[in-house]
Amino acid sequence: MRALLKLSEDLRRPLEWIALTSGWLMVIMACVTSFDVVARKFGMQLPYTKLQELEWHFHAAIFSLWMGYCYKRMTYRGKAWVELIGCLLLALPYMTLVSYYSIDFVEASYRIGEQSDSTVGLTHRWIIKGIYAAGLWLVVFGILSVLLRVIVFLFGRLPRKEVNLQIGTVITEV
């Protein structure tokens, strides 16, 4: 059981690092959005379509890179059973399937050289699709991390505090 707990922690730690590190993308996105607003206000002649697309790319990247870390739900033993069943029958099969096909989604975009439909839009759309696909795989790892802790919580004989089942609220320092 301790090996499962260690594996769960080994999965959780990089998810947390990716989420907290990628939080800086919000600062960059805020700067891009502010620049876009100010530039429009003063009538500057800029490729606004590229700025707008860059903004939604940042939104997608932030959302994708936080998904795996944010997968948390319940805290009590009775709810842990619901979590176990939900992970095994719903979340894990669905997210694994979607993640698997996301690879084709990115590959097709790369192969055809997909870019914005706008003549002044961004190129290399496969990059943001790749980040989204990576985010989907991070969710799979997040589900596995929670699943392993739930198994240890329900079937192991370790103290609840040691298992540290984080399927309820998460407190983080800012």
Protein backbone atom coordinates (compact mmCIF):
# COMPACT_ATOMS: atom_id res chain seq x y z
CA MET A 1 0.00 0.00 0.00
CA ARG A 2 2.87 2.38 0.71
CA ALA A 3 4.12 1.82 -2.85
CA LEU A 4 0.73 2.94 -4.22
CA LEU A 5 0.81 5.94 -1.94
CA LYS A 6 4.30 6.83 -3.16
CA LEU A 7 3.20 6.46 -6.80
CA SER A 8 0.20 8.69 -6.11
CA GLU A 9 2.48 11.33 -4.62
CA ASP A 10 4.89 10.98 -7.56
CA LEU A 11 1.97 11.73 -9.89
CA ARG A 12 0.58 14.58 -7.77
CA ARG A 13 3.83 16.48 -7.30
CA PRO A 14 4.50 17.24 -11.01
CA LEU A 15 0.82 18.12 -11.53
CA GLU A 16 1.09 20.69 -8.75
CA TRP A 17 4.39 22.02 -10.12
CA ILE A 18 2.96 22.36 -13.67
CA ALA A 19 -0.16 24.12 -12.37
CA LEU A 20 1.65 26.55 -10.10
CA THR A 21 4.41 27.28 -12.61
CA SER A 22 1.94 27.84 -15.46
CA GLY A 23 0.09 30.33 -13.27
CA TRP A 24 2.54 32.92 -14.61
CA LEU A 25 0.76 32.60 -17.94
CA MET A 26 -2.06 34.60 -16.35
CA VAL A 27 0.28 37.54 -15.85
CA ILE A 28 1.41 37.36 -19.48
CA MET A 29 -2.20 37.00 -20.66
CA ALA A 30 -3.20 40.05 -18.60
CA CYS A 31 -0.39 42.06 -20.22
CA VAL A 32 -1.40 40.98 -23.73
CA THR A 33 -5.06 41.76 -23.03
CA SER A 34 -4.22 45.15 -21.51
CA PHE A 35 -2.01 46.02 -24.45
CA ASP A 36 -4.78 45.00 -26.85
CA VAL A 37 -7.31 47.24 -25.06
CA VAL A 38 -4.97 50.23 -24.84
CA ALA A 39 -3.85 49.85 -28.46
CA ARG A 40 -7.46 49.82 -29.66
CA LYS A 41 -8.33 52.84 -27.48
CA PHE A 42 -5.54 54.89 -29.04
CA GLY A 43 -6.28 53.67 -32.58
CA MET A 44 -2.94 51.99 -33.15
CA GLN A 45 -2.74 49.98 -36.36
CA LEU A 46 -1.88 46.50 -35.12
CA PRO A 47 -2.78 42.92 -36.03
CA TYR A 48 -5.66 42.78 -33.53
CA THR A 49 -6.74 39.35 -34.71
CA LYS A 50 -3.39 37.92 -33.66
CA LEU A 51 -3.68 39.55 -30.24
CA GLN A 52 -7.21 38.20 -29.73
CA GLU A 53 -6.17 34.71 -30.80
CA LEU A 54 -3.14 34.90 -28.52
CA GLU A 55 -5.49 35.77 -25.64
CA TRP A 56 -7.65 32.68 -26.19
CA HIS A 57 -4.52 30.58 -26.63
CA PHE A 58 -3.42 31.71 -23.15
CA HIS A 59 -6.88 30.91 -21.75
CA ALA A 60 -6.73 27.41 -23.27
CA ALA A 61 -3.18 26.81 -22.02
CA ILE A 62 -3.99 27.91 -18.47
CA PHE A 63 -7.15 25.79 -18.38
CA SER A 64 -5.37 22.75 -19.84
CA LEU A 65 -2.34 22.93 -17.57
CA TRP A 66 -4.47 23.26 -14.42
CA MET A 67 -7.01 20.51 -15.17
CA GLY A 68 -4.98 17.62 -13.73
CA TYR A 69 -4.13 19.44 -10.53
CA CYS A 70 -7.68 20.64 -9.91
CA TYR A 71 -9.29 17.21 -9.98
CA LYS A 72 -10.46 17.02 -6.38
CA ARG A 73 -13.95 16.16 -5.00
CA MET A 74 -14.86 14.44 -1.75
CA THR A 75 -13.46 13.91 1.71
CA TYR A 76 -15.42 11.27 3.68
CA ARG A 77 -15.16 7.47 3.54
CA GLY A 78 -18.67 7.02 2.14
CA LYS A 79 -17.93 9.55 -0.59
CA ALA A 80 -14.59 7.84 -1.26
CA TRP A 81 -16.52 4.83 -2.60
CA VAL A 82 -18.38 7.10 -5.01
CA GLU A 83 -15.02 8.53 -6.05
CA LEU A 84 -13.56 5.05 -6.59
CA ILE A 85 -16.50 3.97 -8.77
CA GLY A 86 -16.52 7.30 -10.62
CA CYS A 87 -12.79 7.08 -11.35
CA LEU A 88 -12.93 3.48 -12.53
CA LEU A 89 -16.16 3.55 -14.53
CA LEU A 90 -16.43 7.14 -15.74
CA ALA A 91 -13.49 9.49 -15.43
CA LEU A 92 -10.55 7.22 -16.24
CA PRO A 93 -12.07 5.43 -19.27
CA TYR A 94 -13.49 8.64 -20.73
CA MET A 95 -10.40 10.80 -20.22
CA THR A 96 -8.07 8.04 -21.43
CA LEU A 97 -10.10 7.70 -24.63
CA VAL A 98 -10.30 11.45 -25.22
CA SER A 99 -6.58 11.85 -24.44
CA TYR A 100 -5.67 9.02 -26.79
CA TYR A 101 -7.55 10.61 -29.70
CA SER A 102 -6.15 14.04 -28.88
CA ILE A 103 -2.86 12.84 -30.32
CA ASP A 104 -4.51 12.43 -33.75
CA PHE A 105 -6.13 15.85 -33.28
CA VAL A 106 -2.70 17.48 -32.87
CA GLU A 107 -1.03 15.36 -35.55
CA ALA A 108 -3.67 16.27 -38.15
CA SER A 109 -3.30 19.96 -37.34
CA TYR A 110 0.48 19.71 -37.71
CA ARG A 111 0.27 17.68 -40.93
CA ILE A 112 -2.00 20.17 -42.72
CA GLY A 113 -0.19 23.22 -41.33
CA GLU A 114 -3.39 24.48 -39.70
CA GLN A 115 -3.55 28.15 -38.91
CA SER A 116 -6.10 30.87 -38.27
CA ASP A 117 -8.78 31.43 -40.90
CA SER A 118 -7.98 35.12 -40.68
CA THR A 119 -5.33 36.36 -43.10
CA VAL A 120 -3.56 38.13 -40.24
CA GLY A 121 -4.12 35.37 -37.66
CA LEU A 122 -1.64 33.15 -35.92
CA THR A 123 0.04 30.19 -37.60
CA HIS A 124 1.06 26.84 -36.07
CA ARG A 125 -2.32 26.07 -34.47
CA TRP A 126 -1.00 22.60 -33.62
CA ILE A 127 0.95 24.16 -30.73
CA ILE A 128 -2.14 25.21 -28.78
CA LYS A 129 -3.84 21.94 -29.69
CA GLY A 130 -0.77 20.14 -28.36
CA ILE A 131 -0.96 22.04 -25.08
CA TYR A 132 -4.63 21.13 -24.83
CA ALA A 133 -3.81 17.47 -25.51
CA ALA A 134 -1.07 17.58 -22.86
CA GLY A 135 -3.63 19.01 -20.45
CA LEU A 136 -5.94 16.08 -21.15
CA TRP A 137 -3.13 13.65 -20.30
CA LEU A 138 -2.46 15.63 -17.10
CA VAL A 139 -6.10 14.99 -16.16
CA VAL A 140 -5.52 11.24 -16.65
CA PHE A 141 -2.53 11.43 -14.30
CA GLY A 142 -4.60 13.45 -11.82
CA ILE A 143 -7.32 10.79 -11.89
CA LEU A 144 -4.72 8.04 -11.35
CA SER A 145 -3.24 9.95 -8.42
CA VAL A 146 -6.64 10.30 -6.76
CA LEU A 147 -7.59 6.70 -7.60
CA LEU A 148 -4.46 5.31 -5.95
CA ARG A 149 -5.03 7.35 -2.79
CA VAL A 150 -8.69 6.26 -2.67
CA ILE A 151 -7.59 2.61 -2.92
CA VAL A 152 -5.10 3.12 -0.09
CA PHE A 153 -7.73 5.00 1.94
CA LEU A 154 -10.43 2.35 1.50
CA PHE A 155 -8.37 -0.86 1.62
CA GLY A 156 -5.13 0.03 3.38
CA ARG A 157 -4.50 0.15 7.05
CA LEU A 158 -2.63 3.44 6.99
CA PRO A 159 -3.77 6.38 9.11
CA ARG A 160 -6.09 8.81 7.30
CA LYS A 161 -3.61 11.64 7.81
CA GLU A 162 -0.81 9.66 6.13
CA VAL A 163 -2.97 8.79 3.13
CA ASN A 164 -3.76 12.52 2.74
CA LEU A 165 -6.81 11.88 0.58
CA GLN A 166 -7.34 15.23 -1.14
CA ILE A 167 -10.73 14.76 -2.74
CA GLY A 168 -12.29 17.63 -0.83
CA THR A 169 -11.22 21.22 -0.53
CA VAL A 170 -7.61 22.14 -1.12
CA ILE A 171 -5.94 24.91 0.84
CA THR A 172 -3.00 26.54 -0.87
CA GLU A 173 -0.78 29.45 0.08
CA VAL A 174 -0.54 32.44 -2.20
